[in-house]
Amino acid sequence: MNATANIDRPSGQKKDNLFILRPWSIEEAIDVKGAAAQAGVSPLTMRDWASKKNIGRVVAGRVWISRVALAAYLDGDAEALSEYQRGCRSTPRVAAYFRRLGIPIVEQIKADG
């Protein structure tokens, strides 16, 4: 079974309480076509993941994927993905993805933890 199969939104979190690409950062965002190519899936699958796996959101009428969330999802790192979705940016697990991808960490949304 694929390691990413069981990664969904954090337990008890409503979609509107998640912090995907918040604050907005063009350095962190990738379009659906680019993300799909990177992951080796179709753009339709990537759009589905954006919503169901909470790795992207709509900005100005376009679906954008978080490069950080996508990397954590593809790595099967449920803990890092959950922390990211809750708005944590400087926890060691999440910060490691920002560093690995060469993306500056934009100010935190909420207190880490």
C-alpha atoms as a PDB file:
ATOM      1  CA  MET A   1       0.000   0.000   0.000  1.00  0.00           C
ATOM      2  CA  ASN A   2       1.132   3.525  -0.791  1.00  0.00           C
ATOM      3  CA  ALA A   3       2.521   5.326   2.270  1.00  0.00           C
ATOM      4  CA  THR A   4       0.450   8.393   1.404  1.00  0.00           C
ATOM      5  CA  ALA A   5      -2.885   6.575   1.268  1.00  0.00           C
ATOM      6  CA  ASN A   6      -4.026   7.393   4.820  1.00  0.00           C
ATOM      7  CA  ILE A   7      -2.899  11.005   5.147  1.00  0.00           C
ATOM      8  CA  ASP A   8      -5.865  13.343   5.385  1.00  0.00           C
ATOM      9  CA  ARG A   9      -6.703  16.503   7.305  1.00  0.00           C
ATOM     10  CA  PRO A  10      -5.721  16.560  10.955  1.00  0.00           C
ATOM     11  CA  SER A  11      -8.209  14.832  13.203  1.00  0.00           C
ATOM     12  CA  GLY A  12     -11.029  17.146  14.203  1.00  0.00           C
ATOM     13  CA  GLN A  13      -9.915  19.966  11.890  1.00  0.00           C
ATOM     14  CA  LYS A  14     -12.477  21.659   9.662  1.00  0.00           C
ATOM     15  CA  LYS A  15     -11.218  22.560   6.210  1.00  0.00           C
ATOM     16  CA  ASP A  16     -11.707  26.300   6.816  1.00  0.00           C
ATOM     17  CA  ASN A  17      -9.456  26.054   9.889  1.00  0.00           C
ATOM     18  CA  LEU A  18      -6.495  24.760   7.883  1.00  0.00           C
ATOM     19  CA  PHE A  19      -3.566  26.952   6.876  1.00  0.00           C
ATOM     20  CA  ILE A  20      -2.586  25.713   3.413  1.00  0.00           C
ATOM     21  CA  LEU A  21      -0.586  28.405   1.605  1.00  0.00           C
ATOM     22  CA  ARG A  22      -1.430  30.856   4.371  1.00  0.00           C
ATOM     23  CA  PRO A  23       0.099  33.314   4.351  1.00  0.00           C
ATOM     24  CA  TRP A  24       0.281  33.277   0.553  1.00  0.00           C
ATOM     25  CA  SER A  25       3.794  32.723  -0.780  1.00  0.00           C
ATOM     26  CA  ILE A  26       4.469  32.388  -4.493  1.00  0.00           C
ATOM     27  CA  GLU A  27       7.797  30.730  -3.630  1.00  0.00           C
ATOM     28  CA  GLU A  28       5.893  27.946  -1.878  1.00  0.00           C
ATOM     29  CA  ALA A  29       3.113  27.565  -4.465  1.00  0.00           C
ATOM     30  CA  ILE A  30       3.148  25.377  -7.558  1.00  0.00           C
ATOM     31  CA  ASP A  31       0.390  25.059 -10.128  1.00  0.00           C
ATOM     32  CA  VAL A  32      -1.579  21.846 -10.580  1.00  0.00           C
ATOM     33  CA  LYS A  33       0.181  20.844 -13.805  1.00  0.00           C
ATOM     34  CA  GLY A  34       3.650  21.285 -12.300  1.00  0.00           C
ATOM     35  CA  ALA A  35       2.725  19.498  -9.075  1.00  0.00           C
ATOM     36  CA  ALA A  36       1.175  16.621 -11.024  1.00  0.00           C
ATOM     37  CA  ALA A  37       4.326  16.228 -13.107  1.00  0.00           C
ATOM     38  CA  GLN A  38       6.468  16.292  -9.966  1.00  0.00           C
ATOM     39  CA  ALA A  39       4.318  13.623  -8.294  1.00  0.00           C
ATOM     40  CA  GLY A  40       3.879  11.478 -11.401  1.00  0.00           C
ATOM     41  CA  VAL A  41       0.081  11.716 -11.369  1.00  0.00           C
ATOM     42  CA  SER A  42      -2.536  13.317 -13.612  1.00  0.00           C
ATOM     43  CA  PRO A  43      -3.633  16.926 -13.099  1.00  0.00           C
ATOM     44  CA  LEU A  44      -7.096  15.582 -12.212  1.00  0.00           C
ATOM     45  CA  THR A  45      -5.596  13.467  -9.423  1.00  0.00           C
ATOM     46  CA  MET A  46      -3.604  16.459  -8.172  1.00  0.00           C
ATOM     47  CA  ARG A  47      -6.771  18.596  -8.032  1.00  0.00           C
ATOM     48  CA  ASP A  48      -8.406  15.798  -6.045  1.00  0.00           C
ATOM     49  CA  TRP A  49      -5.438  15.657  -3.642  1.00  0.00           C
ATOM     50  CA  ALA A  50      -5.527  19.442  -3.227  1.00  0.00           C
ATOM     51  CA  SER A  51      -8.991  19.144  -1.770  1.00  0.00           C
ATOM     52  CA  LYS A  52      -9.130  15.704  -0.174  1.00  0.00           C
ATOM     53  CA  LYS A  53      -5.584  15.585   1.179  1.00  0.00           C
ATOM     54  CA  ASN A  54      -5.500  19.305   1.970  1.00  0.00           C
ATOM     55  CA  ILE A  55      -2.288  20.134   0.162  1.00  0.00           C
ATOM     56  CA  GLY A  56      -3.615  23.041  -1.907  1.00  0.00           C
ATOM     57  CA  ARG A  57      -6.239  25.729  -2.170  1.00  0.00           C
ATOM     58  CA  VAL A  58      -7.891  28.093  -4.623  1.00  0.00           C
ATOM     59  CA  VAL A  59      -6.305  31.540  -4.934  1.00  0.00           C
ATOM     60  CA  ALA A  60      -7.688  34.072  -7.408  1.00  0.00           C
ATOM     61  CA  GLY A  61      -9.721  31.364  -9.142  1.00  0.00           C
ATOM     62  CA  ARG A  62      -6.807  28.927  -9.642  1.00  0.00           C
ATOM     63  CA  VAL A  63      -5.872  25.840  -7.694  1.00  0.00           C
ATOM     64  CA  TRP A  64      -2.395  26.097  -6.189  1.00  0.00           C
ATOM     65  CA  ILE A  65      -0.492  23.343  -4.391  1.00  0.00           C
ATOM     66  CA  SER A  66       1.860  23.911  -1.474  1.00  0.00           C
ATOM     67  CA  ARG A  67       5.274  22.526  -2.388  1.00  0.00           C
ATOM     68  CA  VAL A  68       5.875  21.892   1.326  1.00  0.00           C
ATOM     69  CA  ALA A  69       2.593  20.022   1.836  1.00  0.00           C
ATOM     70  CA  LEU A  70       3.118  18.036  -1.375  1.00  0.00           C
ATOM     71  CA  ALA A  71       6.624  16.977  -0.332  1.00  0.00           C
ATOM     72  CA  ALA A  72       5.418  15.888   3.120  1.00  0.00           C
ATOM     73  CA  TYR A  73       2.491  14.019   1.535  1.00  0.00           C
ATOM     74  CA  LEU A  74       4.711  12.234  -0.994  1.00  0.00           C
ATOM     75  CA  ASP A  75       7.171  11.341   1.775  1.00  0.00           C
ATOM     76  CA  GLY A  76       4.312   9.876   3.830  1.00  0.00           C
ATOM     77  CA  ASP A  77       5.194  12.262   6.665  1.00  0.00           C
ATOM     78  CA  ALA A  78       1.759  12.588   8.279  1.00  0.00           C
ATOM     79  CA  GLU A  79       3.139  14.430  11.314  1.00  0.00           C
ATOM     80  CA  ALA A  80       4.810  17.160   9.258  1.00  0.00           C
ATOM     81  CA  LEU A  81       1.757  17.503   7.005  1.00  0.00           C
ATOM     82  CA  SER A  82      -0.549  17.821  10.009  1.00  0.00           C
ATOM     83  CA  GLU A  83       1.711  20.434  11.619  1.00  0.00           C
ATOM     84  CA  TYR A  84       1.843  22.372   8.342  1.00  0.00           C
ATOM     85  CA  GLN A  85      -1.948  22.239   7.947  1.00  0.00           C
ATOM     86  CA  ARG A  86      -2.378  23.620  11.483  1.00  0.00           C
ATOM     87  CA  GLY A  87      -0.222  26.635  10.606  1.00  0.00           C
ATOM     88  CA  CYS A  88       3.044  25.546  12.208  1.00  0.00           C
ATOM     89  CA  ARG A  89       5.985  26.642  10.084  1.00  0.00           C
ATOM     90  CA  SER A  90       9.003  26.556  12.381  1.00  0.00           C
ATOM     91  CA  THR A  91       8.647  23.148  14.021  1.00  0.00           C
ATOM     92  CA  PRO A  92      11.703  21.038  13.175  1.00  0.00           C
ATOM     93  CA  ARG A  93       9.783  18.671  10.863  1.00  0.00           C
ATOM     94  CA  VAL A  94       8.074  21.418   8.854  1.00  0.00           C
ATOM     95  CA  ALA A  95      11.063  23.770   8.780  1.00  0.00           C
ATOM     96  CA  ALA A  96      13.133  20.912   7.327  1.00  0.00           C
ATOM     97  CA  TYR A  97      10.825  20.806   4.286  1.00  0.00           C
ATOM     98  CA  PHE A  98      11.090  24.568   3.778  1.00  0.00           C
ATOM     99  CA  ARG A  99      14.893  24.299   3.940  1.00  0.00           C
ATOM    100  CA  ARG A 100      15.025  21.249   1.652  1.00  0.00           C
ATOM    101  CA  LEU A 101      12.943  23.056  -0.954  1.00  0.00           C
ATOM    102  CA  GLY A 102      14.813  26.358  -0.592  1.00  0.00           C
ATOM    103  CA  ILE A 103      11.662  28.235   0.440  1.00  0.00           C
ATOM    104  CA  PRO A 104      11.904  31.058   2.976  1.00  0.00           C
ATOM    105  CA  ILE A 105       9.654  30.527   5.985  1.00  0.00           C
ATOM    106  CA  VAL A 106       7.010  33.244   6.007  1.00  0.00           C
ATOM    107  CA  GLU A 107       5.825  34.454   9.420  1.00  0.00           C
ATOM    108  CA  GLN A 108       3.955  31.904  11.469  1.00  0.00           C
ATOM    109  CA  ILE A 109       0.194  31.862  11.531  1.00  0.00           C
ATOM    110  CA  LYS A 110      -0.219  30.381  15.006  1.00  0.00           C
ATOM    111  CA  ALA A 111       2.030  29.365  17.856  1.00  0.00           C
ATOM    112  CA  ASP A 112       3.850  26.149  17.040  1.00  0.00           C
ATOM    113  CA  GLY A 113       3.009  23.112  19.035  1.00  0.00           C
END
